[in-house]
Amino acid sequence: MRWVKNFRETASSADKKRPGKRRSNRTPETVQRVRQALTKSPRRSARRHAAALRLSR
């Protein structure tokens, strides 16, 4: 198992950082969709909003 090997090598269960730039989905359209969803359902959790909008948390 990969995590066992990582733990033996580093004495940590934390995942290694990956090279490269993190992907972002922050487009004006996405921002607008999120704002509308928050206005419509402000009490809904971030996890449920993300699932409904098909975004990562």
N, C-alpha and C. Protein backbone atom coordinates (compact mmCIF):
# COMPACT_ATOMS: atom_id res chain seq x y z
N MET A 1 0.83 -1.18 0.00
CA MET A 1 0.00 0.00 0.00
C MET A 1 0.87 1.24 0.00
N ARG A 2 0.45 2.23 -0.78
CA ARG A 2 1.24 3.44 -0.95
C ARG A 2 1.38 4.22 0.35
N TRP A 3 0.28 4.31 1.13
CA TRP A 3 0.36 5.13 2.35
C TRP A 3 1.28 4.49 3.38
N VAL A 4 1.39 3.15 3.38
CA VAL A 4 2.29 2.48 4.32
C VAL A 4 3.73 2.81 3.95
N LYS A 5 4.05 2.74 2.66
CA LYS A 5 5.40 3.08 2.20
C LYS A 5 5.72 4.53 2.56
N ASN A 6 4.78 5.43 2.32
CA ASN A 6 4.98 6.84 2.64
C ASN A 6 5.22 7.03 4.14
N PHE A 7 4.45 6.30 4.96
CA PHE A 7 4.61 6.42 6.41
C PHE A 7 5.98 5.92 6.85
N ARG A 8 6.43 4.83 6.28
CA ARG A 8 7.75 4.29 6.64
C ARG A 8 8.88 5.23 6.22
N GLU A 9 8.71 5.90 5.09
CA GLU A 9 9.76 6.79 4.60
C GLU A 9 9.77 8.13 5.33
N THR A 10 8.59 8.65 5.69
CA THR A 10 8.52 10.00 6.24
C THR A 10 8.03 10.07 7.69
N ALA A 11 7.56 8.96 8.23
CA ALA A 11 6.98 8.90 9.57
C ALA A 11 5.76 9.82 9.68
N SER A 12 5.07 10.00 8.56
CA SER A 12 3.89 10.84 8.53
C SER A 12 2.87 10.22 7.59
N SER A 13 1.60 10.38 7.92
CA SER A 13 0.55 9.87 7.05
C SER A 13 0.06 10.93 6.07
N ALA A 14 0.63 12.14 6.16
CA ALA A 14 0.22 13.23 5.27
C ALA A 14 0.61 12.92 3.83
N ASP A 15 -0.24 13.29 2.92
CA ASP A 15 0.01 13.07 1.51
C ASP A 15 1.08 14.04 1.03
N LYS A 16 1.89 13.60 0.08
CA LYS A 16 2.93 14.47 -0.46
C LYS A 16 2.31 15.53 -1.36
N LYS A 17 2.94 16.70 -1.39
CA LYS A 17 2.46 17.76 -2.26
C LYS A 17 2.78 17.40 -3.69
N ARG A 18 1.86 17.73 -4.59
CA ARG A 18 2.03 17.41 -5.99
C ARG A 18 2.58 18.64 -6.74
N PRO A 19 3.41 18.41 -7.73
CA PRO A 19 3.95 19.55 -8.49
C PRO A 19 2.88 20.16 -9.39
N GLY A 20 3.11 21.40 -9.76
CA GLY A 20 2.22 22.05 -10.71
C GLY A 20 1.21 22.95 -10.04
N LYS A 21 0.56 23.73 -10.88
CA LYS A 21 -0.43 24.69 -10.41
C LYS A 21 -1.75 23.98 -10.13
N ARG A 22 -2.41 24.38 -9.05
CA ARG A 22 -3.72 23.80 -8.71
C ARG A 22 -4.75 24.33 -9.69
N ARG A 23 -5.67 23.47 -10.08
CA ARG A 23 -6.71 23.88 -11.00
C ARG A 23 -7.74 24.72 -10.28
N SER A 24 -8.23 25.73 -10.97
CA SER A 24 -9.23 26.60 -10.40
C SER A 24 -10.40 26.69 -11.36
N ASN A 25 -11.58 26.76 -10.80
CA ASN A 25 -12.79 26.86 -11.61
C ASN A 25 -13.47 28.20 -11.33
N ARG A 26 -12.69 29.21 -11.03
CA ARG A 26 -13.25 30.50 -10.65
C ARG A 26 -13.45 31.38 -11.88
N THR A 27 -14.55 31.12 -12.56
CA THR A 27 -14.91 31.93 -13.71
C THR A 27 -16.05 32.85 -13.30
N PRO A 28 -16.28 33.92 -14.03
CA PRO A 28 -17.40 34.80 -13.69
C PRO A 28 -18.74 34.04 -13.66
N GLU A 29 -18.90 33.08 -14.55
CA GLU A 29 -20.14 32.30 -14.58
C GLU A 29 -20.29 31.47 -13.31
N THR A 30 -19.22 30.83 -12.87
CA THR A 30 -19.26 30.01 -11.67
C THR A 30 -19.52 30.87 -10.43
N VAL A 31 -18.87 32.01 -10.37
CA VAL A 31 -19.07 32.92 -9.23
C VAL A 31 -20.54 33.34 -9.16
N GLN A 32 -21.13 33.66 -10.30
CA GLN A 32 -22.53 34.05 -10.34
C GLN A 32 -23.44 32.92 -9.89
N ARG A 33 -23.16 31.69 -10.35
CA ARG A 33 -23.96 30.53 -9.94
C ARG A 33 -23.90 30.31 -8.44
N VAL A 34 -22.72 30.46 -7.87
CA VAL A 34 -22.55 30.28 -6.42
C VAL A 34 -23.30 31.37 -5.66
N ARG A 35 -23.18 32.60 -6.10
CA ARG A 35 -23.89 33.70 -5.44
C ARG A 35 -25.40 33.49 -5.45
N GLN A 36 -25.92 33.08 -6.60
CA GLN A 36 -27.36 32.83 -6.71
C GLN A 36 -27.78 31.69 -5.77
N ALA A 37 -26.98 30.64 -5.73
CA ALA A 37 -27.32 29.49 -4.87
C ALA A 37 -27.30 29.90 -3.40
N LEU A 38 -26.32 30.72 -3.00
CA LEU A 38 -26.24 31.16 -1.61
C LEU A 38 -27.38 32.09 -1.25
N THR A 39 -27.79 32.91 -2.19
CA THR A 39 -28.92 33.82 -1.95
C THR A 39 -30.21 33.02 -1.81
N LYS A 40 -30.36 32.01 -2.63
CA LYS A 40 -31.57 31.20 -2.62
C LYS A 40 -31.66 30.33 -1.37
N SER A 41 -30.54 29.72 -0.97
CA SER A 41 -30.53 28.79 0.16
C SER A 41 -29.35 29.10 1.09
N PRO A 42 -29.42 30.14 1.88
CA PRO A 42 -28.27 30.52 2.72
C PRO A 42 -27.97 29.53 3.85
N ARG A 43 -28.94 28.74 4.25
CA ARG A 43 -28.72 27.81 5.37
C ARG A 43 -28.15 26.46 4.92
N ARG A 44 -28.10 26.23 3.64
CA ARG A 44 -27.59 24.98 3.09
C ARG A 44 -26.07 24.91 3.32
N SER A 45 -25.55 23.72 3.57
CA SER A 45 -24.12 23.57 3.86
C SER A 45 -23.28 23.74 2.60
N ALA A 46 -22.02 24.05 2.80
CA ALA A 46 -21.09 24.20 1.67
C ALA A 46 -20.99 22.89 0.89
N ARG A 47 -21.01 21.78 1.60
CA ARG A 47 -20.93 20.48 0.94
C ARG A 47 -22.13 20.24 0.03
N ARG A 48 -23.31 20.59 0.50
CA ARG A 48 -24.52 20.40 -0.32
C ARG A 48 -24.56 21.38 -1.50
N HIS A 49 -24.11 22.61 -1.27
CA HIS A 49 -24.03 23.56 -2.38
C HIS A 49 -23.06 23.04 -3.44
N ALA A 50 -21.90 22.58 -3.01
CA ALA A 50 -20.89 22.08 -3.96
C ALA A 50 -21.43 20.91 -4.76
N ALA A 51 -22.13 20.01 -4.10
CA ALA A 51 -22.70 18.85 -4.80
C ALA A 51 -23.75 19.29 -5.81
N ALA A 52 -24.60 20.22 -5.42
CA ALA A 52 -25.66 20.69 -6.31
C ALA A 52 -25.09 21.43 -7.52
N LEU A 53 -23.99 22.17 -7.30
CA LEU A 53 -23.39 22.94 -8.38
C LEU A 53 -22.29 22.17 -9.12
N ARG A 54 -22.04 20.94 -8.67
CA ARG A 54 -20.99 20.09 -9.24
C ARG A 54 -19.62 20.76 -9.16
N LEU A 55 -19.31 21.23 -7.97
CA LEU A 55 -18.01 21.86 -7.69
C LEU A 55 -17.36 21.14 -6.52
N SER A 56 -16.05 21.28 -6.41
CA SER A 56 -15.40 20.74 -5.22
C SER A 56 -15.59 21.71 -4.08
N ARG A 57 -15.49 21.24 -2.85
CA ARG A 57 -15.68 22.13 -1.72
C ARG A 57 -14.48 23.02 -1.63
